[in-house]
PDB file of N, CA and C in Angstrom:
ATOM      1  N   MET A   1      16.892 -20.115-170.182  1.00  0.00           N
ATOM      2  CA  MET A   1      17.531 -20.385-168.839  1.00  0.00           C
ATOM      3  C   MET A   1      16.747 -20.683-167.780  1.00  0.00           C
ATOM      4  N   ALA A   2      16.766 -21.774-167.192  1.00  0.00           N
ATOM      5  CA  ALA A   2      15.785 -22.365-166.131  1.00  0.00           C
ATOM      6  C   ALA A   2      15.696 -21.107-164.946  1.00  0.00           C
ATOM      7  N   ASN A   3      16.749 -20.783-164.728  1.00  0.00           N
ATOM      8  CA  ASN A   3      16.774 -19.672-163.280  1.00  0.00           C
ATOM      9  C   ASN A   3      16.596 -18.433-163.539  1.00  0.00           C
ATOM     10  N   LYS A   4      16.279 -18.005-164.851  1.00  0.00           N
ATOM     11  CA  LYS A   4      15.734 -16.700-164.966  1.00  0.00           C
ATOM     12  C   LYS A   4      14.641 -16.268-164.642  1.00  0.00           C
ATOM     13  N   PRO A   5      14.511 -15.299-163.646  1.00  0.00           N
ATOM     14  CA  PRO A   5      13.070 -14.725-163.314  1.00  0.00           C
ATOM     15  C   PRO A   5      12.259 -14.236-164.854  1.00  0.00           C
ATOM     16  N   PRO A   6      10.933 -14.211-164.550  1.00  0.00           N
ATOM     17  CA  PRO A   6      10.391 -13.675-165.781  1.00  0.00           C
ATOM     18  C   PRO A   6      10.637 -12.176-166.117  1.00  0.00           C
ATOM     19  N   ARG A   7      10.692 -11.608-167.342  1.00  0.00           N
ATOM     20  CA  ARG A   7      11.209 -10.612-167.619  1.00  0.00           C
ATOM     21  C   ARG A   7      10.199  -9.499-167.081  1.00  0.00           C
ATOM     22  N   GLU A   8       8.970  -9.827-167.228  1.00  0.00           N
ATOM     23  CA  GLU A   8       8.189  -8.789-166.697  1.00  0.00           C
ATOM     24  C   GLU A   8       8.736  -8.557-165.169  1.00  0.00           C
ATOM     25  N   GLU A   9       8.894  -9.536-164.415  1.00  0.00           N
ATOM     26  CA  GLU A   9       8.998  -9.138-163.156  1.00  0.00           C
ATOM     27  C   GLU A   9      10.408  -8.412-163.038  1.00  0.00           C
ATOM     28  N   TRP A  10      11.517  -8.901-163.617  1.00  0.00           N
ATOM     29  CA  TRP A  10      12.837  -7.773-163.200  1.00  0.00           C
ATOM     30  C   TRP A  10      12.681  -6.458-164.037  1.00  0.00           C
ATOM     31  N   ILE A  11      11.908  -6.264-165.137  1.00  0.00           N
ATOM     32  CA  ILE A  11      11.674  -5.018-165.733  1.00  0.00           C
ATOM     33  C   ILE A  11      11.004  -4.109-165.012  1.00  0.00           C
ATOM     34  N   SER A  12       9.812  -4.577-164.559  1.00  0.00           N
ATOM     35  CA  SER A  12       8.979  -4.050-163.439  1.00  0.00           C
ATOM     36  C   SER A  12       9.708  -3.529-162.141  1.00  0.00           C
ATOM     37  N   THR A  13      10.644  -4.248-161.517  1.00  0.00           N
ATOM     38  CA  THR A  13      11.395  -3.553-160.396  1.00  0.00           C
ATOM     39  C   THR A  13      12.772  -3.041-160.521  1.00  0.00           C
ATOM     40  N   ALA A  14      13.165  -2.700-162.013  1.00  0.00           N
ATOM     41  CA  ALA A  14      14.335  -2.388-162.539  1.00  0.00           C
ATOM     42  C   ALA A  14      14.264  -0.886-161.779  1.00  0.00           C
ATOM     43  N   PRO A  15      15.575  -0.688-160.950  1.00  0.00           N
ATOM     44  CA  PRO A  15      15.719   0.521-160.555  1.00  0.00           C
ATOM     45  C   PRO A  15      16.143   1.750-161.674  1.00  0.00           C
ATOM     46  N   ILE A  16      15.752   2.742-161.711  1.00  0.00           N
ATOM     47  CA  ILE A  16      16.360   3.691-162.765  1.00  0.00           C
ATOM     48  C   ILE A  16      16.971   4.708-162.305  1.00  0.00           C
ATOM     49  N   GLY A  17      17.894   4.959-163.032  1.00  0.00           N
ATOM     50  CA  GLY A  17      18.963   5.688-162.567  1.00  0.00           C
ATOM     51  C   GLY A  17      19.728   6.721-163.608  1.00  0.00           C
ATOM     52  N   GLY A  18      20.620   7.834-163.073  1.00  0.00           N
ATOM     53  CA  GLY A  18      21.432   8.120-164.234  1.00  0.00           C
ATOM     54  C   GLY A  18      22.881   7.435-164.719  1.00  0.00           C
ATOM     55  N   ALA A  19      23.330   7.156-163.533  1.00  0.00           N
ATOM     56  CA  ALA A  19      24.544   6.483-163.826  1.00  0.00           C
ATOM     57  C   ALA A  19      24.433   4.935-163.890  1.00  0.00           C
ATOM     58  N   PRO A  20      25.357   4.610-164.947  1.00  0.00           N
ATOM     59  CA  PRO A  20      25.243   2.848-164.849  1.00  0.00           C
ATOM     60  C   PRO A  20      25.434   2.518-163.539  1.00  0.00           C
ATOM     61  N   PRO A  21      25.180   1.149-163.252  1.00  0.00           N
ATOM     62  CA  PRO A  21      25.363   0.717-161.720  1.00  0.00           C
ATOM     63  C   PRO A  21      26.528   0.653-160.922  1.00  0.00           C
ATOM     64  N   ILE A  22      27.558   0.350-161.867  1.00  0.00           N
ATOM     65  CA  ILE A  22      28.740   0.073-161.444  1.00  0.00           C
ATOM     66  C   ILE A  22      29.299   1.439-161.150  1.00  0.00           C
ATOM     67  N   THR A  23      29.211   2.515-161.395  1.00  0.00           N
ATOM     68  CA  THR A  23      29.643   3.990-161.195  1.00  0.00           C
ATOM     69  C   THR A  23      28.486   4.532-160.168  1.00  0.00           C
ATOM     70  N   SER A  24      27.495   4.100-159.864  1.00  0.00           N
ATOM     71  CA  SER A  24      26.103   5.057-159.148  1.00  0.00           C
ATOM     72  C   SER A  24      26.610   5.010-157.858  1.00  0.00           C
ATOM     73  N   ASP A  25      25.962   5.994-156.979  1.00  0.00           N
ATOM     74  CA  ASP A  25      26.039   5.868-155.840  1.00  0.00           C
ATOM     75  C   ASP A  25      24.736   5.182-155.202  1.00  0.00           C
ATOM     76  N   PRO A  26      25.069   5.095-153.581  1.00  0.00           N
ATOM     77  CA  PRO A  26      23.906   4.305-152.668  1.00  0.00           C
ATOM     78  C   PRO A  26      22.739   5.311-152.997  1.00  0.00           C
ATOM     79  N   PRO A  27      21.515   5.038-152.745  1.00  0.00           N
ATOM     80  CA  PRO A  27      20.918   3.676-152.702  1.00  0.00           C
ATOM     81  C   PRO A  27      20.831   2.881-153.934  1.00  0.00           C
ATOM     82  N   PHE A  28      20.869   3.647-154.924  1.00  0.00           N
ATOM     83  CA  PHE A  28      20.560   3.075-156.190  1.00  0.00           C
ATOM     84  C   PHE A  28      21.588   2.180-156.575  1.00  0.00           C
ATOM     85  N   HIS A  29      22.823   1.755-156.028  1.00  0.00           N
ATOM     86  CA  HIS A  29      23.929   1.007-156.571  1.00  0.00           C
ATOM     87  C   HIS A  29      23.589  -0.310-155.965  1.00  0.00           C
ATOM     88  N   ALA A  30      23.021  -0.020-154.702  1.00  0.00           N
ATOM     89  CA  ALA A  30      22.593  -1.658-153.748  1.00  0.00           C
ATOM     90  C   ALA A  30      21.589  -1.943-154.564  1.00  0.00           C
ATOM     91  N   ASP A  31      20.806  -0.949-154.864  1.00  0.00           N
ATOM     92  CA  ASP A  31      19.216  -1.813-155.438  1.00  0.00           C
ATOM     93  C   ASP A  31      19.583  -2.585-156.703  1.00  0.00           C
ATOM     94  N   ALA A  32      20.505  -1.773-157.812  1.00  0.00           N
ATOM     95  CA  ALA A  32      20.828  -2.086-158.956  1.00  0.00           C
ATOM     96  C   ALA A  32      21.712  -3.518-158.877  1.00  0.00           C
ATOM     97  N   ARG A  33      22.497  -3.340-157.865  1.00  0.00           N
ATOM     98  CA  ARG A  33      23.580  -4.724-157.668  1.00  0.00           C
ATOM     99  C   ARG A  33      22.524  -5.892-157.331  1.00  0.00           C
ATOM    100  N   ARG A  34      21.719  -5.896-156.217  1.00  0.00           N
ATOM    101  CA  ARG A  34      20.927  -6.971-155.941  1.00  0.00           C
ATOM    102  C   ARG A  34      20.051  -7.249-157.159  1.00  0.00           C
ATOM    103  N   LEU A  35      19.580  -6.549-157.932  1.00  0.00           N
ATOM    104  CA  LEU A  35      18.809  -6.800-158.955  1.00  0.00           C
ATOM    105  C   LEU A  35      19.567  -7.663-159.937  1.00  0.00           C
ATOM    106  N   LEU A  36      20.917  -7.057-160.299  1.00  0.00           N
ATOM    107  CA  LEU A  36      21.555  -7.787-161.647  1.00  0.00           C
ATOM    108  C   LEU A  36      22.723  -9.039-160.779  1.00  0.00           C
ATOM    109  N   LEU A  37      23.015  -9.260-159.811  1.00  0.00           N
ATOM    110  CA  LEU A  37      23.689 -10.176-159.433  1.00  0.00           C
ATOM    111  C   LEU A  37      23.135 -11.458-159.519  1.00  0.00           C
ATOM    112  N   PRO A  38      22.004 -11.755-159.625  1.00  0.00           N
ATOM    113  CA  PRO A  38      21.527 -13.171-159.676  1.00  0.00           C
ATOM    114  C   PRO A  38      21.735 -13.624-161.243  1.00  0.00           C
ATOM    115  N   ALA A  39      21.731 -12.694-162.169  1.00  0.00           N
ATOM    116  CA  ALA A  39      21.716 -13.124-163.623  1.00  0.00           C
ATOM    117  C   ALA A  39      23.167 -13.248-163.815  1.00  0.00           C
ATOM    118  N   PHE A  40      24.274 -13.077-163.119  1.00  0.00           N
ATOM    119  CA  PHE A  40      25.668 -13.396-163.419  1.00  0.00           C
ATOM    120  C   PHE A  40      26.357 -14.100-162.398  1.00  0.00           C
ATOM    121  N   SER A  41      25.272 -14.993-161.848  1.00  0.00           N
ATOM    122  CA  SER A  41      26.083 -16.026-160.954  1.00  0.00           C
ATOM    123  C   SER A  41      26.916 -16.848-161.255  1.00  0.00           C
ATOM    124  N   PRO A  42      27.899 -17.747-160.965  1.00  0.00           N
ATOM    125  CA  PRO A  42      28.680 -18.633-161.612  1.00  0.00           C
ATOM    126  C   PRO A  42      27.867 -19.476-162.414  1.00  0.00           C
ATOM    127  N   GLN A  43      26.388 -20.170-161.729  1.00  0.00           N
ATOM    128  CA  GLN A  43      25.574 -21.361-162.342  1.00  0.00           C
ATOM    129  C   GLN A  43      25.398 -20.581-163.607  1.00  0.00           C
ATOM    130  N   VAL A  44      24.373 -19.563-163.656  1.00  0.00           N
ATOM    131  CA  VAL A  44      23.786 -18.739-164.533  1.00  0.00           C
ATOM    132  C   VAL A  44      24.706 -18.430-165.458  1.00  0.00           C
ATOM    133  N   VAL A  45      25.946 -18.194-165.645  1.00  0.00           N
ATOM    134  CA  VAL A  45      26.799 -17.810-166.564  1.00  0.00           C
ATOM    135  C   VAL A  45      27.310 -18.999-167.289  1.00  0.00           C
ATOM    136  N   ALA A  46      27.992 -19.996-166.295  1.00  0.00           N
ATOM    137  CA  ALA A  46      27.988 -21.381-167.063  1.00  0.00           C
ATOM    138  C   ALA A  46      26.977 -21.893-168.005  1.00  0.00           C
ATOM    139  N   GLU A  47      25.648 -21.649-167.674  1.00  0.00           N
ATOM    140  CA  GLU A  47      24.601 -21.995-168.714  1.00  0.00           C
ATOM    141  C   GLU A  47      24.573 -21.438-169.923  1.00  0.00           C
ATOM    142  N   TRP A  48      25.140 -20.310-169.930  1.00  0.00           N
ATOM    143  CA  TRP A  48      25.486 -19.376-170.983  1.00  0.00           C
ATOM    144  C   TRP A  48      26.159 -19.532-172.144  1.00  0.00           C
ATOM    145  N   GLU A  49      27.349 -20.325-171.422  1.00  0.00           N
ATOM    146  CA  GLU A  49      28.663 -20.533-171.851  1.00  0.00           C
ATOM    147  C   GLU A  49      28.507 -21.213-173.175  1.00  0.00           C
ATOM    148  N   PRO A  50      27.598 -22.465-173.950  1.00  0.00           N
ATOM    149  CA  PRO A  50      27.727 -22.646-175.055  1.00  0.00           C
ATOM    150  C   PRO A  50      27.119 -21.714-176.037  1.00  0.00           C
ATOM    151  N   GLU A  51      26.083 -20.847-175.585  1.00  0.00           N
ATOM    152  CA  GLU A  51      25.536 -19.837-176.555  1.00  0.00           C
ATOM    153  C   GLU A  51      26.626 -18.742-176.679  1.00  0.00           C
ATOM    154  N   ILE A  52      27.378 -18.373-175.815  1.00  0.00           N
ATOM    155  CA  ILE A  52      28.585 -17.599-176.211  1.00  0.00           C
ATOM    156  C   ILE A  52      29.564 -17.879-176.978  1.00  0.00           C
ATOM    157  N   ARG A  53      29.993 -19.260-176.617  1.00  0.00           N
ATOM    158  CA  ARG A  53      31.010 -19.912-177.469  1.00  0.00           C
ATOM    159  C   ARG A  53      30.523 -19.943-178.974  1.00  0.00           C
ATOM    160  N   ARG A  54      29.269 -20.119-179.331  1.00  0.00           N
ATOM    161  CA  ARG A  54      28.523 -20.201-180.620  1.00  0.00           C
ATOM    162  C   ARG A  54      28.789 -18.961-181.331  1.00  0.00           C
ATOM    163  N   LEU A  55      28.197 -17.839-180.703  1.00  0.00           N
ATOM    164  CA  LEU A  55      28.167 -16.678-181.011  1.00  0.00           C
ATOM    165  C   LEU A  55      29.768 -16.237-181.341  1.00  0.00           C
ATOM    166  N   CYS A  56      30.726 -16.736-180.598  1.00  0.00           N
ATOM    167  CA  CYS A  56      32.174 -16.193-180.733  1.00  0.00           C
ATOM    168  C   CYS A  56      32.717 -17.084-182.112  1.00  0.00           C
ATOM    169  N   ASN A  57      32.210 -18.266-182.233  1.00  0.00           N
ATOM    170  CA  ASN A  57      32.567 -18.791-183.392  1.00  0.00           C
ATOM    171  C   ASN A  57      32.059 -18.270-184.628  1.00  0.00           C
ATOM    172  N   GLU A  58      30.883 -17.918-184.682  1.00  0.00           N
ATOM    173  CA  GLU A  58      30.161 -17.393-185.787  1.00  0.00           C
ATOM    174  C   GLU A  58      30.902 -15.885-186.157  1.00  0.00           C
ATOM    175  N   LEU A  59      31.243 -15.251-185.089  1.00  0.00           N
ATOM    176  CA  LEU A  59      32.068 -13.948-185.445  1.00  0.00           C
ATOM    177  C   LEU A  59      33.278 -14.304-185.903  1.00  0.00           C
ATOM    178  N   ILE A  60      33.927 -15.343-185.452  1.00  0.00           N
ATOM    179  CA  ILE A  60      35.300 -15.902-186.484  1.00  0.00           C
ATOM    180  C   ILE A  60      35.053 -16.451-187.663  1.00  0.00           C
ATOM    181  N   ASP A  61      33.794 -16.814-187.910  1.00  0.00           N
ATOM    182  CA  ASP A  61      33.557 -17.405-189.266  1.00  0.00           C
ATOM    183  C   ASP A  61      33.283 -16.661-190.114  1.00  0.00           C
ATOM    184  N   ASN A  62      32.785 -15.240-189.806  1.00  0.00           N
ATOM    185  CA  ASN A  62      32.600 -14.255-190.595  1.00  0.00           C
ATOM    186  C   ASN A  62      33.868 -13.405-191.098  1.00  0.00           C
ATOM    187  N   LEU A  63      34.890 -13.740-190.357  1.00  0.00           N
ATOM    188  CA  LEU A  63      36.119 -12.930-190.842  1.00  0.00           C
ATOM    189  C   LEU A  63      37.034 -13.694-191.686  1.00  0.00           C
ATOM    190  N   GLU A  64      36.331 -15.117-192.126  1.00  0.00           N
ATOM    191  CA  GLU A  64      37.038 -15.764-192.857  1.00  0.00           C
ATOM    192  C   GLU A  64      37.394 -15.191-194.239  1.00  0.00           C
ATOM    193  N   GLY A  65      38.432 -15.133-195.284  1.00  0.00           N
ATOM    194  CA  GLY A  65      38.595 -14.750-196.226  1.00  0.00           C
ATOM    195  C   GLY A  65      39.149 -13.408-196.534  1.00  0.00           C
ATOM    196  N   LEU A  66      39.007 -12.552-195.188  1.00  0.00           N
ATOM    197  CA  LEU A  66      39.359 -11.197-195.204  1.00  0.00           C
ATOM    198  C   LEU A  66      40.644 -11.062-195.074  1.00  0.00           C
ATOM    199  N   ASP A  67      41.228 -10.337-195.885  1.00  0.00           N
ATOM    200  CA  ASP A  67      43.099  -9.996-195.928  1.00  0.00           C
ATOM    201  C   ASP A  67      43.182  -9.039-194.777  1.00  0.00           C
ATOM    202  N   VAL A  68      42.505  -8.283-194.219  1.00  0.00           N
ATOM    203  CA  VAL A  68      42.605  -7.619-193.124  1.00  0.00           C
ATOM    204  C   VAL A  68      41.571  -7.391-192.152  1.00  0.00           C
ATOM    205  N   VAL A  69      41.935  -7.548-190.767  1.00  0.00           N
ATOM    206  CA  VAL A  69      40.775  -7.838-189.925  1.00  0.00           C
ATOM    207  C   VAL A  69      41.243  -7.006-188.870  1.00  0.00           C
ATOM    208  N   ASP A  70      40.282  -6.002-188.470  1.00  0.00           N
ATOM    209  CA  ASP A  70      40.057  -5.154-187.272  1.00  0.00           C
ATOM    210  C   ASP A  70      39.593  -6.009-186.062  1.00  0.00           C
ATOM    211  N   ALA A  71      40.161  -6.805-185.314  1.00  0.00           N
ATOM    212  CA  ALA A  71      39.808  -7.789-184.237  1.00  0.00           C
ATOM    213  C   ALA A  71      38.694  -6.959-183.250  1.00  0.00           C
ATOM    214  N   ALA A  72      39.262  -5.752-182.948  1.00  0.00           N
ATOM    215  CA  ALA A  72      38.514  -5.034-181.957  1.00  0.00           C
ATOM    216  C   ALA A  72      36.972  -4.703-182.544  1.00  0.00           C
ATOM    217  N   VAL A  73      37.006  -4.301-184.011  1.00  0.00           N
ATOM    218  CA  VAL A  73      36.099  -3.760-184.530  1.00  0.00           C
ATOM    219  C   VAL A  73      35.061  -4.798-185.088  1.00  0.00           C
ATOM    220  N   GLN A  74      35.598  -5.996-185.555  1.00  0.00           N
ATOM    221  CA  GLN A  74      34.869  -6.716-186.344  1.00  0.00           C
ATOM    222  C   GLN A  74      34.819  -8.099-185.412  1.00  0.00           C
ATOM    223  N   TYR A  75      35.202  -8.199-184.288  1.00  0.00           N
ATOM    224  CA  TYR A  75      35.060  -9.059-183.471  1.00  0.00           C
ATOM    225  C   TYR A  75      34.425  -8.885-182.073  1.00  0.00           C
ATOM    226  N   ALA A  76      35.675  -8.032-181.238  1.00  0.00           N
ATOM    227  CA  ALA A  76      35.321  -7.876-179.809  1.00  0.00           C
ATOM    228  C   ALA A  76      34.167  -7.243-179.291  1.00  0.00           C
ATOM    229  N   GLN A  77      34.185  -6.140-179.935  1.00  0.00           N
ATOM    230  CA  GLN A  77      33.243  -4.830-179.647  1.00  0.00           C
ATOM    231  C   GLN A  77      31.627  -5.363-179.624  1.00  0.00           C
ATOM    232  N   ASN A  78      31.422  -6.791-180.498  1.00  0.00           N
ATOM    233  CA  ASN A  78      30.063  -7.274-180.867  1.00  0.00           C
ATOM    234  C   ASN A  78      29.709  -8.116-179.841  1.00  0.00           C
ATOM    235  N   ILE A  79      30.817  -8.812-179.064  1.00  0.00           N
ATOM    236  CA  ILE A  79      30.452  -9.960-178.121  1.00  0.00           C
ATOM    237  C   ILE A  79      29.689  -9.404-176.910  1.00  0.00           C
ATOM    238  N   PRO A  80      29.907  -8.339-176.328  1.00  0.00           N
ATOM    239  CA  PRO A  80      29.274  -7.472-175.153  1.00  0.00           C
ATOM    240  C   PRO A  80      27.644  -7.327-175.547  1.00  0.00           C
ATOM    241  N   VAL A  81      27.590  -6.828-176.656  1.00  0.00           N
ATOM    242  CA  VAL A  81      26.031  -6.162-177.188  1.00  0.00           C
ATOM    243  C   VAL A  81      25.199  -7.477-177.565  1.00  0.00           C
ATOM    244  N   TYR A  82      25.782  -8.642-178.263  1.00  0.00           N
ATOM    245  CA  TYR A  82      25.056  -9.824-178.819  1.00  0.00           C
ATOM    246  C   TYR A  82      24.711 -10.701-177.371  1.00  0.00           C
ATOM    247  N   VAL A  83      25.607 -10.659-176.130  1.00  0.00           N
ATOM    248  CA  VAL A  83      25.318 -11.542-175.300  1.00  0.00           C
ATOM    249  C   VAL A  83      24.204 -10.639-174.302  1.00  0.00           C
ATOM    250  N   ILE A  84      24.371  -9.448-174.371  1.00  0.00           N
ATOM    251  CA  ILE A  84      23.409  -8.909-173.536  1.00  0.00           C
ATOM    252  C   ILE A  84      22.087  -8.671-174.068  1.00  0.00           C
ATOM    253  N   ALA A  85      22.193  -8.626-175.395  1.00  0.00           N
ATOM    254  CA  ALA A  85      20.657  -8.699-176.103  1.00  0.00           C
ATOM    255  C   ALA A  85      20.015 -10.308-175.822  1.00  0.00           C
ATOM    256  N   ARG A  86      21.129 -11.265-175.856  1.00  0.00           N
ATOM    257  CA  ARG A  86      20.191 -12.617-175.928  1.00  0.00           C
ATOM    258  C   ARG A  86      19.920 -12.881-174.043  1.00  0.00           C
ATOM    259  N   MET A  87      20.747 -12.378-173.579  1.00  0.00           N
ATOM    260  CA  MET A  87      20.267 -12.424-172.070  1.00  0.00           C
ATOM    261  C   MET A  87      18.872 -11.683-171.959  1.00  0.00           C
ATOM    262  N   LEU A  88      18.882 -10.466-172.513  1.00  0.00           N
ATOM    263  CA  LEU A  88      17.431  -9.683-172.431  1.00  0.00           C
ATOM    264  C   LEU A  88      16.434 -10.491-173.270  1.00  0.00           C
ATOM    265  N   GLY A  89      16.924 -11.427-174.035  1.00  0.00           N
ATOM    266  CA  GLY A  89      15.481 -12.135-174.847  1.00  0.00           C
ATOM    267  C   GLY A  89      15.512 -11.418-176.008  1.00  0.00           C
ATOM    268  N   LEU A  90      16.087 -10.830-176.662  1.00  0.00           N
ATOM    269  CA  LEU A  90      15.983  -9.831-177.920  1.00  0.00           C
ATOM    270  C   LEU A  90      16.762 -10.978-178.866  1.00  0.00           C
ATOM    271  N   PRO A  91      15.978 -10.605-179.968  1.00  0.00           N
ATOM    272  CA  PRO A  91      16.368 -11.670-181.327  1.00  0.00           C
ATOM    273  C   PRO A  91      17.697 -10.724-181.919  1.00  0.00           C
ATOM    274  N   LEU A  92      18.660 -11.696-182.673  1.00  0.00           N
ATOM    275  CA  LEU A  92      20.000 -11.257-183.269  1.00  0.00           C
ATOM    276  C   LEU A  92      19.735 -11.245-184.634  1.00  0.00           C
TER     277      LEU A  92
END
């Protein structure tokens, strides 16, 4: 994606803390939010939409032919992990 800062830049400036940013206290919360918000702007999220749709379709295709499906386990729980991995540049 064109708007992503180099990975080295955001890794070297990433705040480290015990609680996830959403439940953390100041000043860590403000630092983490400032770091994370650009990655979730409407424009950046829109750029990821085709990749996320491809992933979701692939997960659905993997369910074909199964008699019983636990959608939470076999579909939904995989989406956040895969999307975050792709956003971090990790191979799947």
